Amino acid sequence: MTEAEQMAWAEFQRELPWLTASHRTLLRMACVLSARMETGEMGVEAMKALSSLLSKLGATPVDETKVNHGSDEEEDPTDKFFGSH
């Protein structure tokens, strides 16, 4: 990865803490396109591709609402009994 792509990776890592190893390929693609965007050498199709990738990674405000950030709530022991898991 280029230095610009590595910087994008670090930024995504900070901003999207829910990403896992399974996101690696999508994240790398997003890094390549993000680095291109910084140079101003990005056409409309590449911008659409980046937007799609960011959506898949949960990196837009709307898509982030769909991300499971985990729960601070304790598990209710009655959940198993009532089938609420």
PDB file of N, CA and C in Angstrom:
ATOM      1  N   MET A   1       0.837  -1.180   0.000  1.00  0.00           N
ATOM      2  CA  MET A   1       0.000   0.000   0.000  1.00  0.00           C
ATOM      3  C   MET A   1       0.883   1.245   0.000  1.00  0.00           C
ATOM      4  N   THR A   2       0.413   2.265  -0.680  1.00  0.00           N
ATOM      5  CA  THR A   2       1.154   3.521  -0.693  1.00  0.00           C
ATOM      6  C   THR A   2       0.996   4.218   0.656  1.00  0.00           C
ATOM      7  N   GLU A   3       1.787   5.248   0.857  1.00  0.00           N
ATOM      8  CA  GLU A   3       1.696   5.997   2.114  1.00  0.00           C
ATOM      9  C   GLU A   3       0.305   6.613   2.279  1.00  0.00           C
ATOM     10  N   ALA A   4      -0.249   7.153   1.202  1.00  0.00           N
ATOM     11  CA  ALA A   4      -1.588   7.751   1.265  1.00  0.00           C
ATOM     12  C   ALA A   4      -2.646   6.699   1.597  1.00  0.00           C
ATOM     13  N   GLU A   5      -2.505   5.509   1.039  1.00  0.00           N
ATOM     14  CA  GLU A   5      -3.445   4.424   1.323  1.00  0.00           C
ATOM     15  C   GLU A   5      -3.320   3.971   2.777  1.00  0.00           C
ATOM     16  N   GLN A   6      -2.091   3.928   3.288  1.00  0.00           N
ATOM     17  CA  GLN A   6      -1.874   3.560   4.688  1.00  0.00           C
ATOM     18  C   GLN A   6      -2.479   4.603   5.628  1.00  0.00           C
ATOM     19  N   MET A   7      -2.385   5.867   5.243  1.00  0.00           N
ATOM     20  CA  MET A   7      -2.991   6.925   6.051  1.00  0.00           C
ATOM     21  C   MET A   7      -4.514   6.774   6.057  1.00  0.00           C
ATOM     22  N   ALA A   8      -5.082   6.438   4.908  1.00  0.00           N
ATOM     23  CA  ALA A   8      -6.528   6.214   4.832  1.00  0.00           C
ATOM     24  C   ALA A   8      -6.918   5.030   5.707  1.00  0.00           C
ATOM     25  N   TRP A   9      -6.106   3.966   5.671  1.00  0.00           N
ATOM     26  CA  TRP A   9      -6.367   2.768   6.493  1.00  0.00           C
ATOM     27  C   TRP A   9      -6.421   3.158   7.979  1.00  0.00           C
ATOM     28  N   ALA A  10      -5.428   3.927   8.418  1.00  0.00           N
ATOM     29  CA  ALA A  10      -5.369   4.341   9.825  1.00  0.00           C
ATOM     30  C   ALA A  10      -6.583   5.197  10.193  1.00  0.00           C
ATOM     31  N   GLU A  11      -6.991   6.056   9.281  1.00  0.00           N
ATOM     32  CA  GLU A  11      -8.164   6.895   9.534  1.00  0.00           C
ATOM     33  C   GLU A  11      -9.428   6.041   9.649  1.00  0.00           C
ATOM     34  N   PHE A  12      -9.593   5.091   8.734  1.00  0.00           N
ATOM     35  CA  PHE A  12     -10.746   4.195   8.808  1.00  0.00           C
ATOM     36  C   PHE A  12     -10.708   3.375  10.099  1.00  0.00           C
ATOM     37  N   GLN A  13      -9.532   2.939  10.477  1.00  0.00           N
ATOM     38  CA  GLN A  13      -9.378   2.128  11.689  1.00  0.00           C
ATOM     39  C   GLN A  13      -9.854   2.905  12.919  1.00  0.00           C
ATOM     40  N   ARG A  14      -9.530   4.193  12.962  1.00  0.00           N
ATOM     41  CA  ARG A  14      -9.963   5.038  14.085  1.00  0.00           C
ATOM     42  C   ARG A  14     -11.469   5.289  14.046  1.00  0.00           C
ATOM     43  N   GLU A  15     -11.987   5.555  12.851  1.00  0.00           N
ATOM     44  CA  GLU A  15     -13.377   5.972  12.718  1.00  0.00           C
ATOM     45  C   GLU A  15     -14.377   4.822  12.663  1.00  0.00           C
ATOM     46  N   LEU A  16     -13.920   3.613  12.340  1.00  0.00           N
ATOM     47  CA  LEU A  16     -14.814   2.467  12.172  1.00  0.00           C
ATOM     48  C   LEU A  16     -14.332   1.296  13.023  1.00  0.00           C
ATOM     49  N   PRO A  17     -14.407   1.412  14.338  1.00  0.00           N
ATOM     50  CA  PRO A  17     -13.838   0.382  15.216  1.00  0.00           C
ATOM     51  C   PRO A  17     -14.518  -0.981  15.115  1.00  0.00           C
ATOM     52  N   TRP A  18     -15.651  -1.067  14.469  1.00  0.00           N
ATOM     53  CA  TRP A  18     -16.362  -2.347  14.337  1.00  0.00           C
ATOM     54  C   TRP A  18     -15.836  -3.212  13.203  1.00  0.00           C
ATOM     55  N   LEU A  19     -14.919  -2.709  12.408  1.00  0.00           N
ATOM     56  CA  LEU A  19     -14.399  -3.506  11.295  1.00  0.00           C
ATOM     57  C   LEU A  19     -13.579  -4.683  11.813  1.00  0.00           C
ATOM     58  N   THR A  20     -13.657  -5.788  11.093  1.00  0.00           N
ATOM     59  CA  THR A  20     -12.918  -7.000  11.452  1.00  0.00           C
ATOM     60  C   THR A  20     -12.098  -7.457  10.255  1.00  0.00           C
ATOM     61  N   ALA A  21     -11.389  -8.549  10.414  1.00  0.00           N
ATOM     62  CA  ALA A  21     -10.563  -9.088   9.330  1.00  0.00           C
ATOM     63  C   ALA A  21     -11.397  -9.397   8.092  1.00  0.00           C
ATOM     64  N   SER A  22     -12.657  -9.714   8.272  1.00  0.00           N
ATOM     65  CA  SER A  22     -13.501 -10.038   7.117  1.00  0.00           C
ATOM     66  C   SER A  22     -13.780  -8.821   6.239  1.00  0.00           C
ATOM     67  N   HIS A  23     -13.512  -7.627   6.736  1.00  0.00           N
ATOM     68  CA  HIS A  23     -13.710  -6.400   5.963  1.00  0.00           C
ATOM     69  C   HIS A  23     -12.452  -5.987   5.194  1.00  0.00           C
ATOM     70  N   ARG A  24     -11.383  -6.735   5.346  1.00  0.00           N
ATOM     71  CA  ARG A  24     -10.069  -6.342   4.833  1.00  0.00           C
ATOM     72  C   ARG A  24     -10.067  -5.956   3.355  1.00  0.00           C
ATOM     73  N   THR A  25     -10.667  -6.767   2.508  1.00  0.00           N
ATOM     74  CA  THR A  25     -10.634  -6.488   1.067  1.00  0.00           C
ATOM     75  C   THR A  25     -11.418  -5.223   0.734  1.00  0.00           C
ATOM     76  N   LEU A  26     -12.613  -5.095   1.302  1.00  0.00           N
ATOM     77  CA  LEU A  26     -13.401  -3.884   1.062  1.00  0.00           C
ATOM     78  C   LEU A  26     -12.670  -2.653   1.581  1.00  0.00           C
ATOM     79  N   LEU A  27     -12.046  -2.791   2.744  1.00  0.00           N
ATOM     80  CA  LEU A  27     -11.324  -1.670   3.325  1.00  0.00           C
ATOM     81  C   LEU A  27     -10.138  -1.268   2.457  1.00  0.00           C
ATOM     82  N   ARG A  28      -9.435  -2.249   1.943  1.00  0.00           N
ATOM     83  CA  ARG A  28      -8.291  -1.928   1.085  1.00  0.00           C
ATOM     84  C   ARG A  28      -8.749  -1.181  -0.169  1.00  0.00           C
ATOM     85  N   MET A  29      -9.859  -1.636  -0.754  1.00  0.00           N
ATOM     86  CA  MET A  29     -10.407  -0.946  -1.929  1.00  0.00           C
ATOM     87  C   MET A  29     -10.786   0.493  -1.576  1.00  0.00           C
ATOM     88  N   ALA A  30     -11.393   0.675  -0.410  1.00  0.00           N
ATOM     89  CA  ALA A  30     -11.769   2.018   0.028  1.00  0.00           C
ATOM     90  C   ALA A  30     -10.530   2.891   0.239  1.00  0.00           C
ATOM     91  N   CYS A  31      -9.460   2.299   0.734  1.00  0.00           N
ATOM     92  CA  CYS A  31      -8.210   3.041   0.941  1.00  0.00           C
ATOM     93  C   CYS A  31      -7.617   3.511  -0.382  1.00  0.00           C
ATOM     94  N   VAL A  32      -7.629   2.636  -1.375  1.00  0.00           N
ATOM     95  CA  VAL A  32      -7.099   2.989  -2.697  1.00  0.00           C
ATOM     96  C   VAL A  32      -7.880   4.172  -3.262  1.00  0.00           C
ATOM     97  N   LEU A  33      -9.202   4.080  -3.190  1.00  0.00           N
ATOM     98  CA  LEU A  33     -10.033   5.151  -3.740  1.00  0.00           C
ATOM     99  C   LEU A  33      -9.926   6.428  -2.917  1.00  0.00           C
ATOM    100  N   SER A  34      -9.827   6.312  -1.604  1.00  0.00           N
ATOM    101  CA  SER A  34      -9.675   7.494  -0.753  1.00  0.00           C
ATOM    102  C   SER A  34      -8.370   8.222  -1.050  1.00  0.00           C
ATOM    103  N   ALA A  35      -7.317   7.467  -1.277  1.00  0.00           N
ATOM    104  CA  ALA A  35      -6.024   8.070  -1.622  1.00  0.00           C
ATOM    105  C   ALA A  35      -6.120   8.796  -2.964  1.00  0.00           C
ATOM    106  N   ARG A  36      -6.825   8.197  -3.908  1.00  0.00           N
ATOM    107  CA  ARG A  36      -7.027   8.853  -5.211  1.00  0.00           C
ATOM    108  C   ARG A  36      -7.827  10.135  -5.052  1.00  0.00           C
ATOM    109  N   MET A  37      -8.806  10.121  -4.179  1.00  0.00           N
ATOM    110  CA  MET A  37      -9.642  11.297  -3.965  1.00  0.00           C
ATOM    111  C   MET A  37      -8.799  12.462  -3.448  1.00  0.00           C
ATOM    112  N   GLU A  38      -7.842  12.167  -2.588  1.00  0.00           N
ATOM    113  CA  GLU A  38      -6.982  13.212  -2.033  1.00  0.00           C
ATOM    114  C   GLU A  38      -6.147  13.904  -3.111  1.00  0.00           C
ATOM    115  N   THR A  39      -5.834  13.197  -4.182  1.00  0.00           N
ATOM    116  CA  THR A  39      -5.030  13.793  -5.254  1.00  0.00           C
ATOM    117  C   THR A  39      -5.889  14.542  -6.262  1.00  0.00           C
ATOM    118  N   GLY A  40      -7.202  14.400  -6.147  1.00  0.00           N
ATOM    119  CA  GLY A  40      -8.097  15.060  -7.092  1.00  0.00           C
ATOM    120  C   GLY A  40      -8.250  14.310  -8.393  1.00  0.00           C
ATOM    121  N   GLU A  41      -7.671  13.103  -8.482  1.00  0.00           N
ATOM    122  CA  GLU A  41      -7.728  12.298  -9.705  1.00  0.00           C
ATOM    123  C   GLU A  41      -8.789  11.214  -9.568  1.00  0.00           C
ATOM    124  N   MET A  42     -10.035  11.657  -9.445  1.00  0.00           N
ATOM    125  CA  MET A  42     -11.095  10.691  -9.221  1.00  0.00           C
ATOM    126  C   MET A  42     -12.320  11.094 -10.021  1.00  0.00           C
ATOM    127  N   GLY A  43     -12.752  10.192 -10.890  1.00  0.00           N
ATOM    128  CA  GLY A  43     -13.928  10.454 -11.702  1.00  0.00           C
ATOM    129  C   GLY A  43     -15.213  10.102 -10.970  1.00  0.00           C
ATOM    130  N   VAL A  44     -16.311  10.331 -11.656  1.00  0.00           N
ATOM    131  CA  VAL A  44     -17.629  10.086 -11.081  1.00  0.00           C
ATOM    132  C   VAL A  44     -17.821   8.610 -10.732  1.00  0.00           C
ATOM    133  N   GLU A  45     -17.409   7.705 -11.605  1.00  0.00           N
ATOM    134  CA  GLU A  45     -17.588   6.269 -11.346  1.00  0.00           C
ATOM    135  C   GLU A  45     -16.789   5.814 -10.129  1.00  0.00           C
ATOM    136  N   ALA A  46     -15.579   6.324  -9.990  1.00  0.00           N
ATOM    137  CA  ALA A  46     -14.764   5.973  -8.822  1.00  0.00           C
ATOM    138  C   ALA A  46     -15.389   6.540  -7.549  1.00  0.00           C
ATOM    139  N   MET A  47     -15.965   7.734  -7.652  1.00  0.00           N
ATOM    140  CA  MET A  47     -16.629   8.340  -6.498  1.00  0.00           C
ATOM    141  C   MET A  47     -17.847   7.505  -6.090  1.00  0.00           C
ATOM    142  N   LYS A  48     -18.588   7.011  -7.068  1.00  0.00           N
ATOM    143  CA  LYS A  48     -19.733   6.136  -6.784  1.00  0.00           C
ATOM    144  C   LYS A  48     -19.262   4.833  -6.133  1.00  0.00           C
ATOM    145  N   ALA A  49     -18.159   4.295  -6.627  1.00  0.00           N
ATOM    146  CA  ALA A  49     -17.620   3.054  -6.063  1.00  0.00           C
ATOM    147  C   ALA A  49     -17.206   3.264  -4.611  1.00  0.00           C
ATOM    148  N   LEU A  50     -16.551   4.388  -4.325  1.00  0.00           N
ATOM    149  CA  LEU A  50     -16.142   4.684  -2.950  1.00  0.00           C
ATOM    150  C   LEU A  50     -17.366   4.838  -2.053  1.00  0.00           C
ATOM    151  N   SER A  51     -18.370   5.527  -2.542  1.00  0.00           N
ATOM    152  CA  SER A  51     -19.599   5.700  -1.772  1.00  0.00           C
ATOM    153  C   SER A  51     -20.235   4.354  -1.439  1.00  0.00           C
ATOM    154  N   SER A  52     -20.255   3.458  -2.405  1.00  0.00           N
ATOM    155  CA  SER A  52     -20.813   2.122  -2.193  1.00  0.00           C
ATOM    156  C   SER A  52     -19.998   1.343  -1.158  1.00  0.00           C
ATOM    157  N   LEU A  53     -18.687   1.423  -1.263  1.00  0.00           N
ATOM    158  CA  LEU A  53     -17.820   0.731  -0.300  1.00  0.00           C
ATOM    159  C   LEU A  53     -18.020   1.273   1.111  1.00  0.00           C
ATOM    160  N   LEU A  54     -18.084   2.589   1.229  1.00  0.00           N
ATOM    161  CA  LEU A  54     -18.277   3.193   2.544  1.00  0.00           C
ATOM    162  C   LEU A  54     -19.601   2.748   3.152  1.00  0.00           C
ATOM    163  N   SER A  55     -20.609   2.649   2.314  1.00  0.00           N
ATOM    164  CA  SER A  55     -21.910   2.177   2.785  1.00  0.00           C
ATOM    165  C   SER A  55     -21.818   0.743   3.294  1.00  0.00           C
ATOM    166  N   LYS A  56     -21.132  -0.109   2.546  1.00  0.00           N
ATOM    167  CA  LYS A  56     -20.985  -1.513   2.947  1.00  0.00           C
ATOM    168  C   LYS A  56     -20.187  -1.667   4.237  1.00  0.00           C
ATOM    169  N   LEU A  57     -19.304  -0.725   4.501  1.00  0.00           N
ATOM    170  CA  LEU A  57     -18.489  -0.771   5.714  1.00  0.00           C
ATOM    171  C   LEU A  57     -19.191  -0.106   6.904  1.00  0.00           C
ATOM    172  N   GLY A  58     -20.373   0.446   6.666  1.00  0.00           N
ATOM    173  CA  GLY A  58     -21.084   1.139   7.741  1.00  0.00           C
ATOM    174  C   GLY A  58     -20.491   2.495   8.047  1.00  0.00           C
ATOM    175  N   ALA A  59     -19.883   3.120   7.044  1.00  0.00           N
ATOM    176  CA  ALA A  59     -19.143   4.359   7.259  1.00  0.00           C
ATOM    177  C   ALA A  59     -19.924   5.619   6.901  1.00  0.00           C
ATOM    178  N   THR A  60     -21.216   5.477   6.621  1.00  0.00           N
ATOM    179  CA  THR A  60     -22.040   6.658   6.396  1.00  0.00           C
ATOM    180  C   THR A  60     -22.967   6.794   7.599  1.00  0.00           C
ATOM    181  N   PRO A  61     -23.445   7.992   7.888  1.00  0.00           N
ATOM    182  CA  PRO A  61     -24.327   8.153   9.050  1.00  0.00           C
ATOM    183  C   PRO A  61     -25.544   7.217   9.022  1.00  0.00           C
ATOM    184  N   VAL A  62     -26.154   7.062   7.875  1.00  0.00           N
ATOM    185  CA  VAL A  62     -27.321   6.176   7.776  1.00  0.00           C
ATOM    186  C   VAL A  62     -26.919   4.726   7.995  1.00  0.00           C
ATOM    187  N   ASP A  63     -25.846   4.295   7.351  1.00  0.00           N
ATOM    188  CA  ASP A  63     -25.423   2.897   7.466  1.00  0.00           C
ATOM    189  C   ASP A  63     -24.870   2.565   8.845  1.00  0.00           C
ATOM    190  N   GLU A  64     -24.296   3.547   9.512  1.00  0.00           N
ATOM    191  CA  GLU A  64     -23.755   3.286  10.852  1.00  0.00           C
ATOM    192  C   GLU A  64     -24.867   2.913  11.827  1.00  0.00           C
ATOM    193  N   THR A  65     -26.070   3.432  11.599  1.00  0.00           N
ATOM    194  CA  THR A  65     -27.181   3.085  12.493  1.00  0.00           C
ATOM    195  C   THR A  65     -27.524   1.606  12.408  1.00  0.00           C
ATOM    196  N   LYS A  66     -27.108   0.942  11.337  1.00  0.00           N
ATOM    197  CA  LYS A  66     -27.379  -0.487  11.151  1.00  0.00           C
ATOM    198  C   LYS A  66     -26.282  -1.373  11.745  1.00  0.00           C
ATOM    199  N   VAL A  67     -25.189  -0.756  12.181  1.00  0.00           N
ATOM    200  CA  VAL A  67     -24.052  -1.504  12.718  1.00  0.00           C
ATOM    201  C   VAL A  67     -24.327  -1.881  14.163  1.00  0.00           C
ATOM    202  N   ASN A  68     -24.045  -3.130  14.505  1.00  0.00           N
ATOM    203  CA  ASN A  68     -24.182  -3.585  15.880  1.00  0.00           C
ATOM    204  C   ASN A  68     -22.900  -3.227  16.622  1.00  0.00           C
ATOM    205  N   HIS A  69     -22.986  -2.221  17.474  1.00  0.00           N
ATOM    206  CA  HIS A  69     -21.821  -1.775  18.237  1.00  0.00           C
ATOM    207  C   HIS A  69     -21.647  -2.559  19.529  1.00  0.00           C
ATOM    208  N   GLY A  70     -22.415  -3.607  19.687  1.00  0.00           N
ATOM    209  CA  GLY A  70     -22.378  -4.354  20.938  1.00  0.00           C
ATOM    210  C   GLY A  70     -23.364  -3.725  21.909  1.00  0.00           C
ATOM    211  N   SER A  71     -23.517  -4.330  23.029  1.00  0.00           N
ATOM    212  CA  SER A  71     -24.478  -3.834  23.999  1.00  0.00           C
ATOM    213  C   SER A  71     -23.842  -3.764  25.373  1.00  0.00           C
ATOM    214  N   ASP A  72     -24.120  -2.668  26.060  1.00  0.00           N
ATOM    215  CA  ASP A  72     -23.643  -2.526  27.433  1.00  0.00           C
ATOM    216  C   ASP A  72     -24.631  -3.133  28.421  1.00  0.00           C
ATOM    217  N   GLU A  73     -25.806  -3.508  27.916  1.00  0.00           N
ATOM    218  CA  GLU A  73     -26.824  -4.072  28.789  1.00  0.00           C
ATOM    219  C   GLU A  73     -26.434  -5.484  29.204  1.00  0.00           C
ATOM    220  N   GLU A  74     -26.771  -5.801  30.438  1.00  0.00           N
ATOM    221  CA  GLU A  74     -26.551  -7.166  30.902  1.00  0.00           C
ATOM    222  C   GLU A  74     -27.624  -8.056  30.305  1.00  0.00           C
ATOM    223  N   GLU A  75     -27.275  -9.307  30.081  1.00  0.00           N
ATOM    224  CA  GLU A  75     -28.239 -10.254  29.535  1.00  0.00           C
ATOM    225  C   GLU A  75     -29.308 -10.547  30.579  1.00  0.00           C
ATOM    226  N   ASP A  76     -30.551 -10.466  30.151  1.00  0.00           N
ATOM    227  CA  ASP A  76     -31.679 -10.765  31.036  1.00  0.00           C
ATOM    228  C   ASP A  76     -31.850 -12.277  31.090  1.00  0.00           C
ATOM    229  N   PRO A  77     -31.773 -12.879  32.275  1.00  0.00           N
ATOM    230  CA  PRO A  77     -31.872 -14.342  32.369  1.00  0.00           C
ATOM    231  C   PRO A  77     -33.209 -14.885  31.873  1.00  0.00           C
ATOM    232  N   THR A  78     -34.242 -14.046  31.835  1.00  0.00           N
ATOM    233  CA  THR A  78     -35.546 -14.528  31.356  1.00  0.00           C
ATOM    234  C   THR A  78     -35.613 -14.583  29.835  1.00  0.00           C
ATOM    235  N   ASP A  79     -34.634 -13.983  29.148  1.00  0.00           N
ATOM    236  CA  ASP A  79     -34.642 -13.989  27.682  1.00  0.00           C
ATOM    237  C   ASP A  79     -34.675 -15.406  27.123  1.00  0.00           C
ATOM    238  N   LYS A  80     -33.880 -16.305  27.691  1.00  0.00           N
ATOM    239  CA  LYS A  80     -33.858 -17.688  27.202  1.00  0.00           C
ATOM    240  C   LYS A  80     -35.215 -18.356  27.408  1.00  0.00           C
ATOM    241  N   PHE A  81     -35.812 -18.094  28.556  1.00  0.00           N
ATOM    242  CA  PHE A  81     -37.098 -18.709  28.877  1.00  0.00           C
ATOM    243  C   PHE A  81     -38.195 -18.223  27.932  1.00  0.00           C
ATOM    244  N   PHE A  82     -38.199 -16.913  27.656  1.00  0.00           N
ATOM    245  CA  PHE A  82     -39.248 -16.334  26.820  1.00  0.00           C
ATOM    246  C   PHE A  82     -38.888 -16.315  25.340  1.00  0.00           C
ATOM    247  N   GLY A  83     -37.701 -16.791  24.994  1.00  0.00           N
ATOM    248  CA  GLY A  83     -37.286 -16.820  23.589  1.00  0.00           C
ATOM    249  C   GLY A  83     -36.999 -15.444  23.030  1.00  0.00           C
ATOM    250  N   SER A  84     -36.483 -14.549  23.837  1.00  0.00           N
ATOM    251  CA  SER A  84     -36.217 -13.173  23.414  1.00  0.00           C
ATOM    252  C   SER A  84     -34.749 -12.936  23.120  1.00  0.00           C
ATOM    253  N   HIS A  85     -34.043 -13.925  22.583  1.00  0.00           N
ATOM    254  CA  HIS A  85     -32.616 -13.737  22.337  1.00  0.00           C
ATOM    255  C   HIS A  85     -32.335 -13.512  20.939  1.00  0.00           C
TER     256      HIS A  85
END
